[in-house]
Amino acid sequence: TLNYYTVAWFRQAPGKEREGVSCISSTDGS
């Protein structure tokens, strides 16, 4: 069902906070 969802990638390096890396929308692919 992933096609209907916004999906984002995050990363967390050792000793650091999680950070947002990239995002893609389901509606218009932005």
mmCIF file of all heavy atoms, coordinates in Angstrom:
data_MODEL
# 
_entry.id   MODEL 
# 
loop_
_atom_site.group_PDB 
_atom_site.id 
_atom_site.type_symbol 
_atom_site.label_atom_id 
_atom_site.label_alt_id 
_atom_site.label_comp_id 
_atom_site.label_asym_id 
_atom_site.label_entity_id 
_atom_site.label_seq_id 
_atom_site.pdbx_PDB_ins_code 
_atom_site.Cartn_x 
_atom_site.Cartn_y 
_atom_site.Cartn_z 
_atom_site.occupancy 
_atom_site.B_iso_or_equiv 
_atom_site.pdbx_formal_charge 
_atom_site.auth_seq_id 
_atom_site.auth_comp_id 
_atom_site.auth_asym_id 
_atom_site.auth_atom_id 
_atom_site.pdbx_PDB_model_num 
ATOM 1   N N   . THR A 1 1  ? 0.816  -1.214 0.000  1.00 0.00 ? 1  THR A N   1 
ATOM 2   C CA  . THR A 1 1  ? 0.000  0.000  0.000  1.00 0.00 ? 1  THR A CA  1 
ATOM 3   C C   . THR A 1 1  ? 0.845  1.257  0.000  1.00 0.00 ? 1  THR A C   1 
ATOM 4   O O   . THR A 1 1  ? 0.319  2.346  0.164  1.00 0.00 ? 1  THR A O   1 
ATOM 5   C CB  . THR A 1 1  ? -0.933 0.024  1.216  1.00 0.00 ? 1  THR A CB  1 
ATOM 6   O OG1 . THR A 1 1  ? -0.148 -0.002 2.411  1.00 0.00 ? 1  THR A OG1 1 
ATOM 7   C CG2 . THR A 1 1  ? -1.905 -1.132 1.191  1.00 0.00 ? 1  THR A CG2 1 
ATOM 8   N N   . LEU A 1 2  ? 2.153  1.134  -0.188 1.00 0.00 ? 2  LEU A N   1 
ATOM 9   C CA  . LEU A 1 2  ? 3.047  2.280  -0.037 1.00 0.00 ? 2  LEU A CA  1 
ATOM 10  C C   . LEU A 1 2  ? 2.758  3.378  -1.047 1.00 0.00 ? 2  LEU A C   1 
ATOM 11  O O   . LEU A 1 2  ? 3.064  4.538  -0.803 1.00 0.00 ? 2  LEU A O   1 
ATOM 12  C CB  . LEU A 1 2  ? 4.501  1.803  -0.166 1.00 0.00 ? 2  LEU A CB  1 
ATOM 13  C CG  . LEU A 1 2  ? 5.582  2.741  0.336  1.00 0.00 ? 2  LEU A CG  1 
ATOM 14  C CD1 . LEU A 1 2  ? 5.385  3.052  1.806  1.00 0.00 ? 2  LEU A CD1 1 
ATOM 15  C CD2 . LEU A 1 2  ? 6.960  2.129  0.107  1.00 0.00 ? 2  LEU A CD2 1 
ATOM 16  N N   . ASN A 1 3  ? 2.162  3.006  -2.169 1.00 0.00 ? 3  ASN A N   1 
ATOM 17  C CA  . ASN A 1 3  ? 1.890  3.980  -3.219 1.00 0.00 ? 3  ASN A CA  1 
ATOM 18  C C   . ASN A 1 3  ? 1.023  5.139  -2.739 1.00 0.00 ? 3  ASN A C   1 
ATOM 19  O O   . ASN A 1 3  ? 1.058  6.221  -3.312 1.00 0.00 ? 3  ASN A O   1 
ATOM 20  C CB  . ASN A 1 3  ? 1.196  3.301  -4.405 1.00 0.00 ? 3  ASN A CB  1 
ATOM 21  C CG  . ASN A 1 3  ? 2.086  2.247  -5.037 1.00 0.00 ? 3  ASN A CG  1 
ATOM 22  O OD1 . ASN A 1 3  ? 3.277  2.177  -4.783 1.00 0.00 ? 3  ASN A OD1 1 
ATOM 23  N ND2 . ASN A 1 3  ? 1.479  1.408  -5.870 1.00 0.00 ? 3  ASN A ND2 1 
ATOM 24  N N   . TYR A 1 4  ? 0.232  4.938  -1.712 1.00 0.00 ? 4  TYR A N   1 
ATOM 25  C CA  . TYR A 1 4  ? -0.698 5.949  -1.241 1.00 0.00 ? 4  TYR A CA  1 
ATOM 26  C C   . TYR A 1 4  ? -0.093 6.881  -0.196 1.00 0.00 ? 4  TYR A C   1 
ATOM 27  O O   . TYR A 1 4  ? -0.760 7.810  0.268  1.00 0.00 ? 4  TYR A O   1 
ATOM 28  C CB  . TYR A 1 4  ? -1.944 5.282  -0.660 1.00 0.00 ? 4  TYR A CB  1 
ATOM 29  C CG  . TYR A 1 4  ? -2.643 4.365  -1.629 1.00 0.00 ? 4  TYR A CG  1 
ATOM 30  C CD1 . TYR A 1 4  ? -2.539 2.978  -1.509 1.00 0.00 ? 4  TYR A CD1 1 
ATOM 31  C CD2 . TYR A 1 4  ? -3.392 4.873  -2.678 1.00 0.00 ? 4  TYR A CD2 1 
ATOM 32  C CE1 . TYR A 1 4  ? -3.166 2.135  -2.403 1.00 0.00 ? 4  TYR A CE1 1 
ATOM 33  C CE2 . TYR A 1 4  ? -4.028 4.030  -3.577 1.00 0.00 ? 4  TYR A CE2 1 
ATOM 34  C CZ  . TYR A 1 4  ? -3.913 2.665  -3.433 1.00 0.00 ? 4  TYR A CZ  1 
ATOM 35  O OH  . TYR A 1 4  ? -4.537 1.826  -4.317 1.00 0.00 ? 4  TYR A OH  1 
ATOM 36  N N   . TYR A 1 5  ? 1.147  6.641  0.163  1.00 0.00 ? 5  TYR A N   1 
ATOM 37  C CA  . TYR A 1 5  ? 1.763  7.358  1.271  1.00 0.00 ? 5  TYR A CA  1 
ATOM 38  C C   . TYR A 1 5  ? 2.913  8.260  0.833  1.00 0.00 ? 5  TYR A C   1 
ATOM 39  O O   . TYR A 1 5  ? 3.641  7.955  -0.118 1.00 0.00 ? 5  TYR A O   1 
ATOM 40  C CB  . TYR A 1 5  ? 2.314  6.364  2.301  1.00 0.00 ? 5  TYR A CB  1 
ATOM 41  C CG  . TYR A 1 5  ? 1.250  5.675  3.114  1.00 0.00 ? 5  TYR A CG  1 
ATOM 42  C CD1 . TYR A 1 5  ? 0.540  4.603  2.593  1.00 0.00 ? 5  TYR A CD1 1 
ATOM 43  C CD2 . TYR A 1 5  ? 0.965  6.100  4.401  1.00 0.00 ? 5  TYR A CD2 1 
ATOM 44  C CE1 . TYR A 1 5  ? -0.437 3.968  3.328  1.00 0.00 ? 5  TYR A CE1 1 
ATOM 45  C CE2 . TYR A 1 5  ? -0.016 5.459  5.161  1.00 0.00 ? 5  TYR A CE2 1 
ATOM 46  C CZ  . TYR A 1 5  ? -0.712 4.402  4.606  1.00 0.00 ? 5  TYR A CZ  1 
ATOM 47  O OH  . TYR A 1 5  ? -1.679 3.783  5.354  1.00 0.00 ? 5  TYR A OH  1 
ATOM 48  N N   . THR A 1 6  ? 3.062  9.356  1.548  1.00 0.00 ? 6  THR A N   1 
ATOM 49  C CA  . THR A 1 6  ? 4.305  10.120 1.507  1.00 0.00 ? 6  THR A CA  1 
ATOM 50  C C   . THR A 1 6  ? 5.381  9.266  2.166  1.00 0.00 ? 6  THR A C   1 
ATOM 51  O O   . THR A 1 6  ? 5.145  8.652  3.205  1.00 0.00 ? 6  THR A O   1 
ATOM 52  C CB  . THR A 1 6  ? 4.140  11.435 2.285  1.00 0.00 ? 6  THR A CB  1 
ATOM 53  O OG1 . THR A 1 6  ? 3.292  12.313 1.539  1.00 0.00 ? 6  THR A OG1 1 
ATOM 54  C CG2 . THR A 1 6  ? 5.479  12.096 2.533  1.00 0.00 ? 6  THR A CG2 1 
ATOM 55  N N   . VAL A 1 7  ? 6.557  9.215  1.553  1.00 0.00 ? 7  VAL A N   1 
ATOM 56  C CA  . VAL A 1 7  ? 7.659  8.436  2.106  1.00 0.00 ? 7  VAL A CA  1 
ATOM 57  C C   . VAL A 1 7  ? 8.878  9.337  2.261  1.00 0.00 ? 7  VAL A C   1 
ATOM 58  O O   . VAL A 1 7  ? 9.200  10.122 1.366  1.00 0.00 ? 7  VAL A O   1 
ATOM 59  C CB  . VAL A 1 7  ? 7.997  7.232  1.212  1.00 0.00 ? 7  VAL A CB  1 
ATOM 60  C CG1 . VAL A 1 7  ? 9.200  6.478  1.769  1.00 0.00 ? 7  VAL A CG1 1 
ATOM 61  C CG2 . VAL A 1 7  ? 6.797  6.293  1.104  1.00 0.00 ? 7  VAL A CG2 1 
ATOM 62  N N   . ALA A 1 8  ? 9.526  9.212  3.395  1.00 0.00 ? 8  ALA A N   1 
ATOM 63  C CA  . ALA A 1 8  ? 10.734 9.999  3.656  1.00 0.00 ? 8  ALA A CA  1 
ATOM 64  C C   . ALA A 1 8  ? 11.857 9.092  4.126  1.00 0.00 ? 8  ALA A C   1 
ATOM 65  O O   . ALA A 1 8  ? 11.611 8.039  4.717  1.00 0.00 ? 8  ALA A O   1 
ATOM 66  C CB  . ALA A 1 8  ? 10.454 11.071 4.701  1.00 0.00 ? 8  ALA A CB  1 
ATOM 67  N N   . TRP A 1 9  ? 13.063 9.524  3.840  1.00 0.00 ? 9  TRP A N   1 
ATOM 68  C CA  . TRP A 1 9  ? 14.257 8.857  4.349  1.00 0.00 ? 9  TRP A CA  1 
ATOM 69  C C   . TRP A 1 9  ? 14.866 9.718  5.433  1.00 0.00 ? 9  TRP A C   1 
ATOM 70  O O   . TRP A 1 9  ? 14.989 10.944 5.278  1.00 0.00 ? 9  TRP A O   1 
ATOM 71  C CB  . TRP A 1 9  ? 15.270 8.630  3.242  1.00 0.00 ? 9  TRP A CB  1 
ATOM 72  C CG  . TRP A 1 9  ? 14.903 7.534  2.301  1.00 0.00 ? 9  TRP A CG  1 
ATOM 73  C CD1 . TRP A 1 9  ? 14.257 7.665  1.100  1.00 0.00 ? 9  TRP A CD1 1 
ATOM 74  C CD2 . TRP A 1 9  ? 15.152 6.143  2.465  1.00 0.00 ? 9  TRP A CD2 1 
ATOM 75  N NE1 . TRP A 1 9  ? 14.088 6.431  0.516  1.00 0.00 ? 9  TRP A NE1 1 
ATOM 76  C CE2 . TRP A 1 9  ? 14.641 5.476  1.334  1.00 0.00 ? 9  TRP A CE2 1 
ATOM 77  C CE3 . TRP A 1 9  ? 15.770 5.375  3.459  1.00 0.00 ? 9  TRP A CE3 1 
ATOM 78  C CZ2 . TRP A 1 9  ? 14.716 4.087  1.173  1.00 0.00 ? 9  TRP A CZ2 1 
ATOM 79  C CZ3 . TRP A 1 9  ? 15.845 4.002  3.288  1.00 0.00 ? 9  TRP A CZ3 1 
ATOM 80  C CH2 . TRP A 1 9  ? 15.329 3.371  2.161  1.00 0.00 ? 9  TRP A CH2 1 
ATOM 81  N N   . PHE A 1 10 ? 15.253 9.061  6.518  1.00 0.00 ? 10 PHE A N   1 
ATOM 82  C CA  . PHE A 1 10 ? 15.938 9.695  7.624  1.00 0.00 ? 10 PHE A CA  1 
ATOM 83  C C   . PHE A 1 10 ? 17.247 8.953  7.861  1.00 0.00 ? 10 PHE A C   1 
ATOM 84  O O   . PHE A 1 10 ? 17.430 7.829  7.400  1.00 0.00 ? 10 PHE A O   1 
ATOM 85  C CB  . PHE A 1 10 ? 15.088 9.622  8.904  1.00 0.00 ? 10 PHE A CB  1 
ATOM 86  C CG  . PHE A 1 10 ? 13.823 10.421 8.844  1.00 0.00 ? 10 PHE A CG  1 
ATOM 87  C CD1 . PHE A 1 10 ? 12.729 9.970  8.129  1.00 0.00 ? 10 PHE A CD1 1 
ATOM 88  C CD2 . PHE A 1 10 ? 13.726 11.628 9.513  1.00 0.00 ? 10 PHE A CD2 1 
ATOM 89  C CE1 . PHE A 1 10 ? 11.547 10.712 8.076  1.00 0.00 ? 10 PHE A CE1 1 
ATOM 90  C CE2 . PHE A 1 10 ? 12.554 12.374 9.474  1.00 0.00 ? 10 PHE A CE2 1 
ATOM 91  C CZ  . PHE A 1 10 ? 11.469 11.910 8.753  1.00 0.00 ? 10 PHE A CZ  1 
ATOM 92  N N   . ARG A 1 11 ? 18.147 9.572  8.595  1.00 0.00 ? 11 ARG A N   1 
ATOM 93  C CA  . ARG A 1 11 ? 19.360 8.875  8.992  1.00 0.00 ? 11 ARG A CA  1 
ATOM 94  C C   . ARG A 1 11 ? 19.757 9.302  10.393 1.00 0.00 ? 11 ARG A C   1 
ATOM 95  O O   . ARG A 1 11 ? 19.416 10.393 10.846 1.00 0.00 ? 11 ARG A O   1 
ATOM 96  C CB  . ARG A 1 11 ? 20.493 9.149  8.005  1.00 0.00 ? 11 ARG A CB  1 
ATOM 97  C CG  . ARG A 1 11 ? 20.996 10.585 7.984  1.00 0.00 ? 11 ARG A CG  1 
ATOM 98  C CD  . ARG A 1 11 ? 22.026 10.744 6.876  1.00 0.00 ? 11 ARG A CD  1 
ATOM 99  N NE  . ARG A 1 11 ? 22.572 12.097 6.827  1.00 0.00 ? 11 ARG A NE  1 
ATOM 100 C CZ  . ARG A 1 11 ? 23.401 12.523 5.889  1.00 0.00 ? 11 ARG A CZ  1 
ATOM 101 N NH1 . ARG A 1 11 ? 23.791 11.699 4.901  1.00 0.00 ? 11 ARG A NH1 1 
ATOM 102 N NH2 . ARG A 1 11 ? 23.862 13.769 5.928  1.00 0.00 ? 11 ARG A NH2 1 
ATOM 103 N N   . GLN A 1 12 ? 20.455 8.394  11.044 1.00 0.00 ? 12 GLN A N   1 
ATOM 104 C CA  . GLN A 1 12 ? 20.956 8.678  12.380 1.00 0.00 ? 12 GLN A CA  1 
ATOM 105 C C   . GLN A 1 12 ? 22.370 8.145  12.491 1.00 0.00 ? 12 GLN A C   1 
ATOM 106 O O   . GLN A 1 12 ? 22.589 6.928  12.409 1.00 0.00 ? 12 GLN A O   1 
ATOM 107 C CB  . GLN A 1 12 ? 20.067 8.074  13.462 1.00 0.00 ? 12 GLN A CB  1 
ATOM 108 C CG  . GLN A 1 12 ? 20.469 8.492  14.857 1.00 0.00 ? 12 GLN A CG  1 
ATOM 109 C CD  . GLN A 1 12 ? 19.395 8.217  15.884 1.00 0.00 ? 12 GLN A CD  1 
ATOM 110 O OE1 . GLN A 1 12 ? 18.495 7.405  15.676 1.00 0.00 ? 12 GLN A OE1 1 
ATOM 111 N NE2 . GLN A 1 12 ? 19.463 8.909  17.012 1.00 0.00 ? 12 GLN A NE2 1 
ATOM 112 N N   . ALA A 1 13 ? 23.299 9.063  12.660 1.00 0.00 ? 13 ALA A N   1 
ATOM 113 C CA  . ALA A 1 13 ? 24.696 8.701  12.832 1.00 0.00 ? 13 ALA A CA  1 
ATOM 114 C C   . ALA A 1 13 ? 24.974 8.462  14.312 1.00 0.00 ? 13 ALA A C   1 
ATOM 115 O O   . ALA A 1 13 ? 24.255 8.980  15.176 1.00 0.00 ? 13 ALA A O   1 
ATOM 116 C CB  . ALA A 1 13 ? 25.586 9.817  12.290 1.00 0.00 ? 13 ALA A CB  1 
ATOM 117 N N   . PRO A 1 14 ? 26.012 7.697  14.629 1.00 0.00 ? 14 PRO A N   1 
ATOM 118 C CA  . PRO A 1 14 ? 26.338 7.424  16.032 1.00 0.00 ? 14 PRO A CA  1 
ATOM 119 C C   . PRO A 1 14 ? 26.520 8.714  16.822 1.00 0.00 ? 14 PRO A C   1 
ATOM 120 O O   . PRO A 1 14 ? 27.250 9.620  16.402 1.00 0.00 ? 14 PRO A O   1 
ATOM 121 C CB  . PRO A 1 14 ? 27.650 6.647  15.941 1.00 0.00 ? 14 PRO A CB  1 
ATOM 122 C CG  . PRO A 1 14 ? 27.614 6.012  14.588 1.00 0.00 ? 14 PRO A CG  1 
ATOM 123 C CD  . PRO A 1 14 ? 26.915 7.002  13.708 1.00 0.00 ? 14 PRO A CD  1 
ATOM 124 N N   . GLY A 1 15 ? 25.816 8.811  17.935 1.00 0.00 ? 15 GLY A N   1 
ATOM 125 C CA  . GLY A 1 15 ? 25.944 9.962  18.801 1.00 0.00 ? 15 GLY A CA  1 
ATOM 126 C C   . GLY A 1 15 ? 25.244 11.215 18.325 1.00 0.00 ? 15 GLY A C   1 
ATOM 127 O O   . GLY A 1 15 ? 25.388 12.281 18.930 1.00 0.00 ? 15 GLY A O   1 
ATOM 128 N N   . LYS A 1 16 ? 24.487 11.100 17.238 1.00 0.00 ? 16 LYS A N   1 
ATOM 129 C CA  . LYS A 1 16 ? 23.801 12.271 16.694 1.00 0.00 ? 16 LYS A CA  1 
ATOM 130 C C   . LYS A 1 16 ? 22.296 12.040 16.652 1.00 0.00 ? 16 LYS A C   1 
ATOM 131 O O   . LYS A 1 16 ? 21.816 10.912 16.713 1.00 0.00 ? 16 LYS A O   1 
ATOM 132 C CB  . LYS A 1 16 ? 24.322 12.587 15.292 1.00 0.00 ? 16 LYS A CB  1 
ATOM 133 C CG  . LYS A 1 16 ? 25.779 13.022 15.262 1.00 0.00 ? 16 LYS A CG  1 
ATOM 134 C CD  . LYS A 1 16 ? 26.168 13.501 13.884 1.00 0.00 ? 16 LYS A CD  1 
ATOM 135 C CE  . LYS A 1 16 ? 27.608 14.016 13.870 1.00 0.00 ? 16 LYS A CE  1 
ATOM 136 N NZ  . LYS A 1 16 ? 28.004 14.514 12.522 1.00 0.00 ? 16 LYS A NZ  1 
ATOM 137 N N   . GLU A 1 17 ? 21.561 13.130 16.525 1.00 0.00 ? 17 GLU A N   1 
ATOM 138 C CA  . GLU A 1 17 ? 20.122 13.043 16.411 1.00 0.00 ? 17 GLU A CA  1 
ATOM 139 C C   . GLU A 1 17 ? 19.729 12.579 15.008 1.00 0.00 ? 17 GLU A C   1 
ATOM 140 O O   . GLU A 1 17 ? 20.461 12.776 14.043 1.00 0.00 ? 17 GLU A O   1 
ATOM 141 C CB  . GLU A 1 17 ? 19.482 14.395 16.721 1.00 0.00 ? 17 GLU A CB  1 
ATOM 142 C CG  . GLU A 1 17 ? 19.627 14.829 18.163 1.00 0.00 ? 17 GLU A CG  1 
ATOM 143 C CD  . GLU A 1 17 ? 18.851 16.096 18.469 1.00 0.00 ? 17 GLU A CD  1 
ATOM 144 O OE1 . GLU A 1 17 ? 18.260 16.679 17.535 1.00 0.00 ? 17 GLU A OE1 1 
ATOM 145 O OE2 . GLU A 1 17 ? 18.817 16.490 19.639 1.00 0.00 ? 17 GLU A OE2 1 
ATOM 146 N N   . ARG A 1 18 ? 18.561 11.998 14.928 1.00 0.00 ? 18 ARG A N   1 
ATOM 147 C CA  . ARG A 1 18 ? 18.028 11.600 13.638 1.00 0.00 ? 18 ARG A CA  1 
ATOM 148 C C   . ARG A 1 18 ? 17.730 12.831 12.802 1.00 0.00 ? 18 ARG A C   1 
ATOM 149 O O   . ARG A 1 18 ? 17.219 13.828 13.321 1.00 0.00 ? 18 ARG A O   1 
ATOM 150 C CB  . ARG A 1 18 ? 16.762 10.777 13.841 1.00 0.00 ? 18 ARG A CB  1 
ATOM 151 C CG  . ARG A 1 18 ? 16.189 10.173 12.587 1.00 0.00 ? 18 ARG A CG  1 
ATOM 152 C CD  . ARG A 1 18 ? 14.984 9.325  12.932 1.00 0.00 ? 18 ARG A CD  1 
ATOM 153 N NE  . ARG A 1 18 ? 13.919 10.107 13.517 1.00 0.00 ? 18 ARG A NE  1 
ATOM 154 C CZ  . ARG A 1 18 ? 12.918 9.599  14.236 1.00 0.00 ? 18 ARG A CZ  1 
ATOM 155 N NH1 . ARG A 1 18 ? 12.876 8.295  14.462 1.00 0.00 ? 18 ARG A NH1 1 
ATOM 156 N NH2 . ARG A 1 18 ? 11.986 10.381 14.721 1.00 0.00 ? 18 ARG A NH2 1 
ATOM 157 N N   . GLU A 1 19 ? 18.039 12.782 11.511 1.00 0.00 ? 19 GLU A N   1 
ATOM 158 C CA  . GLU A 1 19 ? 17.782 13.917 10.644 1.00 0.00 ? 19 GLU A CA  1 
ATOM 159 C C   . GLU A 1 19 ? 17.037 13.467 9.385  1.00 0.00 ? 19 GLU A C   1 
ATOM 160 O O   . GLU A 1 19 ? 17.255 12.361 8.875  1.00 0.00 ? 19 GLU A O   1 
ATOM 161 C CB  . GLU A 1 19 ? 19.084 14.619 10.236 1.00 0.00 ? 19 GLU A CB  1 
ATOM 162 C CG  . GLU A 1 19 ? 20.010 13.806 9.374  1.00 0.00 ? 19 GLU A CG  1 
ATOM 163 C CD  . GLU A 1 19 ? 21.138 14.613 8.755  1.00 0.00 ? 19 GLU A CD  1 
ATOM 164 O OE1 . GLU A 1 19 ? 20.899 15.791 8.379  1.00 0.00 ? 19 GLU A OE1 1 
ATOM 165 O OE2 . GLU A 1 19 ? 22.252 14.074 8.637  1.00 0.00 ? 19 GLU A OE2 1 
ATOM 166 N N   . GLY A 1 20 ? 16.151 14.333 8.924  1.00 0.00 ? 20 GLY A N   1 
ATOM 167 C CA  . GLY A 1 20 ? 15.445 14.071 7.674  1.00 0.00 ? 20 GLY A CA  1 
ATOM 168 C C   . GLY A 1 20 ? 16.371 14.309 6.502  1.00 0.00 ? 20 GLY A C   1 
ATOM 169 O O   . GLY A 1 20 ? 17.129 15.275 6.475  1.00 0.00 ? 20 GLY A O   1 
ATOM 170 N N   . VAL A 1 21 ? 16.320 13.400 5.523  1.00 0.00 ? 21 VAL A N   1 
ATOM 171 C CA  . VAL A 1 21 ? 17.215 13.450 4.379  1.00 0.00 ? 21 VAL A CA  1 
ATOM 172 C C   . VAL A 1 21 ? 16.468 13.798 3.100  1.00 0.00 ? 21 VAL A C   1 
ATOM 173 O O   . VAL A 1 21 ? 16.891 14.675 2.351  1.00 0.00 ? 21 VAL A O   1 
ATOM 174 C CB  . VAL A 1 21 ? 17.931 12.100 4.221  1.00 0.00 ? 21 VAL A CB  1 
ATOM 175 C CG1 . VAL A 1 21 ? 18.723 12.053 2.929  1.00 0.00 ? 21 VAL A CG1 1 
ATOM 176 C CG2 . VAL A 1 21 ? 18.828 11.829 5.415  1.00 0.00 ? 21 VAL A CG2 1 
ATOM 177 N N   . SER A 1 22 ? 15.358 13.110 2.860  1.00 0.00 ? 22 SER A N   1 
ATOM 178 C CA  . SER A 1 22 ? 14.633 13.322 1.619  1.00 0.00 ? 22 SER A CA  1 
ATOM 179 C C   . SER A 1 22 ? 13.195 12.851 1.776  1.00 0.00 ? 22 SER A C   1 
ATOM 180 O O   . SER A 1 22 ? 12.909 11.988 2.611  1.00 0.00 ? 22 SER A O   1 
ATOM 181 C CB  . SER A 1 22 ? 15.311 12.549 0.474  1.00 0.00 ? 22 SER A CB  1 
ATOM 182 O OG  . SER A 1 22 ? 14.682 12.827 -0.761 1.00 0.00 ? 22 SER A OG  1 
ATOM 183 N N   . CYS A 1 23 ? 12.324 13.428 0.967  1.00 0.00 ? 23 CYS A N   1 
ATOM 184 C CA  . CYS A 1 23 ? 10.900 13.101 1.055  1.00 0.00 ? 23 CYS A CA  1 
ATOM 185 C C   . CYS A 1 23 ? 10.287 13.112 -0.330 1.00 0.00 ? 23 CYS A C   1 
ATOM 186 O O   . CYS A 1 23 ? 10.689 13.921 -1.182 1.00 0.00 ? 23 CYS A O   1 
ATOM 187 C CB  . CYS A 1 23 ? 10.205 14.129 1.948  1.00 0.00 ? 23 CYS A CB  1 
ATOM 188 S SG  . CYS A 1 23 ? 8.480  13.761 2.338  1.00 0.00 ? 23 CYS A SG  1 
ATOM 189 N N   . ILE A 1 24 ? 9.321  12.215 -0.560 1.00 0.00 ? 24 ILE A N   1 
ATOM 190 C CA  . ILE A 1 24 ? 8.602  12.207 -1.833 1.00 0.00 ? 24 ILE A CA  1 
ATOM 191 C C   . ILE A 1 24 ? 7.118  12.045 -1.551 1.00 0.00 ? 24 ILE A C   1 
ATOM 192 O O   . ILE A 1 24 ? 6.712  11.188 -0.770 1.00 0.00 ? 24 ILE A O   1 
ATOM 193 C CB  . ILE A 1 24 ? 9.133  11.096 -2.777 1.00 0.00 ? 24 ILE A CB  1 
ATOM 194 C CG1 . ILE A 1 24 ? 8.467  11.192 -4.145 1.00 0.00 ? 24 ILE A CG1 1 
ATOM 195 C CG2 . ILE A 1 24 ? 8.972  9.696  -2.183 1.00 0.00 ? 24 ILE A CG2 1 
ATOM 196 C CD1 . ILE A 1 24 ? 9.170  10.355 -5.219 1.00 0.00 ? 24 ILE A CD1 1 
ATOM 197 N N   . SER A 1 25 ? 6.333  12.900 -2.165 1.00 0.00 ? 25 SER A N   1 
ATOM 198 C CA  . SER A 1 25 ? 4.894  12.866 -1.947 1.00 0.00 ? 25 SER A CA  1 
ATOM 199 C C   . SER A 1 25 ? 4.233  11.812 -2.825 1.00 0.00 ? 25 SER A C   1 
ATOM 200 O O   . SER A 1 25 ? 4.747  11.466 -3.891 1.00 0.00 ? 25 SER A O   1 
ATOM 201 C CB  . SER A 1 25 ? 4.287  14.233 -2.247 1.00 0.00 ? 25 SER A CB  1 
ATOM 202 O OG  . SER A 1 25 ? 4.704  15.186 -1.307 1.00 0.00 ? 25 SER A OG  1 
ATOM 203 N N   . SER A 1 26 ? 3.081  11.342 -2.389 1.00 0.00 ? 26 SER A N   1 
ATOM 204 C CA  . SER A 1 26 ? 2.345  10.348 -3.171 1.00 0.00 ? 26 SER A CA  1 
ATOM 205 C C   . SER A 1 26 ? 1.446  10.992 -4.205 1.00 0.00 ? 26 SER A C   1 
ATOM 206 O O   . SER A 1 26 ? 1.148  10.391 -5.228 1.00 0.00 ? 26 SER A O   1 
ATOM 207 C CB  . SER A 1 26 ? 1.500  9.471  -2.240 1.00 0.00 ? 26 SER A CB  1 
ATOM 208 O OG  . SER A 1 26 ? 0.523  10.274 -1.589 1.00 0.00 ? 26 SER A OG  1 
ATOM 209 N N   . THR A 1 27 ? 1.024  12.223 -3.956 1.00 0.00 ? 27 THR A N   1 
ATOM 210 C CA  . THR A 1 27 ? 0.040  12.849 -4.839 1.00 0.00 ? 27 THR A CA  1 
ATOM 211 C C   . THR A 1 27 ? 0.648  13.354 -6.143 1.00 0.00 ? 27 THR A C   1 
ATOM 212 O O   . THR A 1 27 ? 0.182  13.000 -7.226 1.00 0.00 ? 27 THR A O   1 
ATOM 213 C CB  . THR A 1 27 ? -0.647 14.008 -4.121 1.00 0.00 ? 27 THR A CB  1 
ATOM 214 O OG1 . THR A 1 27 ? 0.358  14.878 -3.582 1.00 0.00 ? 27 THR A OG1 1 
ATOM 215 C CG2 . THR A 1 27 ? -1.510 13.490 -2.978 1.00 0.00 ? 27 THR A CG2 1 
ATOM 216 N N   . ASP A 1 28 ? 1.699  14.166 -6.033 1.00 0.00 ? 28 ASP A N   1 
ATOM 217 C CA  . ASP A 1 28 ? 2.284  14.758 -7.238 1.00 0.00 ? 28 ASP A CA  1 
ATOM 218 C C   . ASP A 1 28 ? 3.742  14.397 -7.447 1.00 0.00 ? 28 ASP A C   1 
ATOM 219 O O   . ASP A 1 28 ? 4.376  14.889 -8.373 1.00 0.00 ? 28 ASP A O   1 
ATOM 220 C CB  . ASP A 1 28 ? 2.133  16.285 -7.209 1.00 0.00 ? 28 ASP A CB  1 
ATOM 221 C CG  . ASP A 1 28 ? 2.837  16.918 -6.036 1.00 0.00 ? 28 ASP A CG  1 
ATOM 222 O OD1 . ASP A 1 28 ? 3.473  16.184 -5.256 1.00 0.00 ? 28 ASP A OD1 1 
ATOM 223 O OD2 . ASP A 1 28 ? 2.738  18.156 -5.890 1.00 0.00 ? 28 ASP A OD2 1 
ATOM 224 N N   . GLY A 1 29 ? 4.285  13.546 -6.570 1.00 0.00 ? 29 GLY A N   1 
ATOM 225 C CA  . GLY A 1 29 ? 5.670  13.126 -6.727 1.00 0.00 ? 29 GLY A CA  1 
ATOM 226 C C   . GLY A 1 29 ? 6.688  14.193 -6.389 1.00 0.00 ? 29 GLY A C   1 
ATOM 227 O O   . GLY A 1 29 ? 7.876  14.032 -6.702 1.00 0.00 ? 29 GLY A O   1 
ATOM 228 N N   . SER A 1 30 ? 6.257  15.280 -5.755 1.00 0.00 ? 30 SER A N   1 
ATOM 229 C CA  . SER A 1 30 ? 7.203  16.332 -5.394 1.00 0.00 ? 30 SER A CA  1 
ATOM 230 C C   . SER A 1 30 ? 8.221  15.801 -4.401 1.00 0.00 ? 30 SER A C   1 
ATOM 231 O O   . SER A 1 30 ? 7.921  14.927 -3.589 1.00 0.00 ? 30 SER A O   1 
ATOM 232 C CB  . SER A 1 30 ? 6.472  17.541 -4.817 1.00 0.00 ? 30 SER A CB  1 
ATOM 233 O OG  . SER A 1 30 ? 5.678  17.165 -3.711 1.00 0.00 ? 30 SER A OG  1 
# 
